[in-house]
Amino acid sequence: MARITIRIDDDLYARLTVQARSAGLGAATYCRDILERFEGTDPSGYHARFDEVHATLIQAFAILATSVGERSPDILQKGLAEARRLLHERGLLDGAEDRS
């Protein structure tokens, strides 16, 4: 089995050991569990929950955009432009999406 060594600050280590203890695990086992969930190998872990939240937000925004677009198309266009600006600023749009 491969080994890694990482350095973390004392506060993070204290939180990690408290969480590991409350889960009934050692620190190394707890860290492995976190990594497995984060990397998507746990079907009910981090990614599954994030995907569910993501899908819900997309649905809510689609309903909101439809409603605003029907009442005030110009406000919808301003909102979309601002959303594109914010996404671009955070590096979340590639060139093709940025031109739309």
Protein backbone atom coordinates (compact mmCIF):
# COMPACT_ATOMS: atom_id res chain seq x y z
CA MET A 1 0.00 0.00 0.00
CA ALA A 2 1.29 3.45 -0.93
CA ARG A 3 1.87 6.07 1.77
CA ILE A 4 1.68 9.86 1.73
CA THR A 5 2.66 12.48 4.26
CA ILE A 6 0.91 15.82 4.43
CA ARG A 7 1.35 18.77 6.74
CA ILE A 8 -1.75 20.47 8.12
CA ASP A 9 -2.14 23.18 10.72
CA ASP A 10 -2.95 22.28 14.30
CA ASP A 11 -6.54 23.53 14.17
CA LEU A 12 -7.35 21.40 11.13
CA TYR A 13 -5.72 18.39 12.76
CA ALA A 14 -7.76 18.92 15.91
CA ARG A 15 -11.00 19.07 13.90
CA LEU A 16 -10.00 16.00 11.95
CA THR A 17 -9.27 13.94 15.06
CA VAL A 18 -12.53 15.02 16.72
CA GLN A 19 -14.50 14.01 13.61
CA ALA A 20 -12.59 10.73 13.29
CA ARG A 21 -13.23 9.90 16.94
CA SER A 22 -16.93 10.69 16.65
CA ALA A 23 -17.10 8.38 13.62
CA GLY A 24 -15.31 5.66 15.59
CA LEU A 25 -12.32 5.70 13.23
CA GLY A 26 -8.63 6.42 13.37
CA ALA A 27 -7.37 9.58 11.68
CA ALA A 28 -5.84 7.71 8.72
CA THR A 29 -8.98 5.65 8.09
CA TYR A 30 -11.13 8.77 8.39
CA CYS A 31 -8.92 10.61 5.85
CA ARG A 32 -9.11 7.68 3.42
CA ASP A 33 -12.90 7.69 3.77
CA ILE A 34 -13.05 11.43 3.04
CA LEU A 35 -10.82 11.02 -0.02
CA GLU A 36 -12.90 8.14 -1.37
CA ARG A 37 -16.12 10.13 -0.97
CA PHE A 38 -14.60 13.28 -2.46
CA GLU A 39 -13.18 11.42 -5.46
CA GLY A 40 -16.60 10.00 -6.33
CA THR A 41 -16.14 6.33 -5.44
CA ASP A 42 -18.92 6.52 -2.84
CA PRO A 43 -22.22 6.62 -4.80
CA SER A 44 -24.06 8.32 -1.95
CA GLY A 45 -21.19 10.61 -1.02
CA TYR A 46 -20.10 14.12 -1.86
CA HIS A 47 -20.64 14.04 -5.63
CA ALA A 48 -24.09 12.47 -5.45
CA ARG A 49 -25.28 15.13 -3.02
CA PHE A 50 -23.66 17.91 -5.06
CA ASP A 51 -25.29 16.62 -8.27
CA GLU A 52 -28.70 16.63 -6.55
CA VAL A 53 -28.27 20.22 -5.36
CA HIS A 54 -26.97 21.24 -8.78
CA ALA A 55 -29.99 19.73 -10.56
CA THR A 56 -32.40 21.45 -8.16
CA LEU A 57 -30.73 24.83 -8.67
CA ILE A 58 -30.85 24.46 -12.45
CA GLN A 59 -34.58 23.71 -12.28
CA ALA A 60 -35.26 26.67 -9.98
CA PHE A 61 -33.28 29.06 -12.17
CA ALA A 62 -35.01 27.79 -15.32
CA ILE A 63 -38.41 28.51 -13.76
CA LEU A 64 -37.24 31.95 -12.60
CA ALA A 65 -35.75 32.83 -16.00
CA THR A 66 -38.93 31.75 -17.78
CA SER A 67 -41.05 33.88 -15.47
CA VAL A 68 -38.83 36.95 -15.76
CA GLY A 69 -38.46 36.48 -19.52
CA GLU A 70 -42.22 36.46 -20.04
CA ARG A 71 -42.72 39.62 -17.98
CA SER A 72 -39.60 41.59 -18.91
CA PRO A 73 -37.29 40.23 -21.64
CA ASP A 74 -34.88 43.16 -21.25
CA ILE A 75 -34.35 42.42 -17.55
CA LEU A 76 -33.77 38.75 -18.40
CA GLN A 77 -31.09 39.72 -20.94
CA LYS A 78 -29.38 42.01 -18.41
CA GLY A 79 -29.45 39.23 -15.83
CA LEU A 80 -28.02 36.70 -18.27
CA ALA A 81 -25.24 39.11 -19.25
CA GLU A 82 -24.37 39.64 -15.58
CA ALA A 83 -24.42 35.88 -14.96
CA ARG A 84 -22.04 35.33 -17.90
CA ARG A 85 -19.74 38.05 -16.57
CA LEU A 86 -19.63 36.48 -13.12
CA LEU A 87 -19.07 32.97 -14.51
CA HIS A 88 -16.32 34.24 -16.81
CA GLU A 89 -14.68 36.09 -13.89
CA ARG A 90 -14.55 32.81 -11.97
CA GLY A 91 -13.18 30.83 -14.93
CA LEU A 92 -16.38 28.83 -15.37
CA LEU A 93 -17.04 29.69 -19.03
CA ASP A 94 -15.02 28.55 -21.99
CA GLY A 95 -14.66 30.65 -25.15
CA ALA A 96 -17.77 29.28 -26.92
CA GLU A 97 -20.07 29.92 -23.97
CA ASP A 98 -18.57 33.37 -23.42
CA ARG A 99 -19.55 34.51 -26.92
CA SER A 100 -23.24 33.64 -26.57
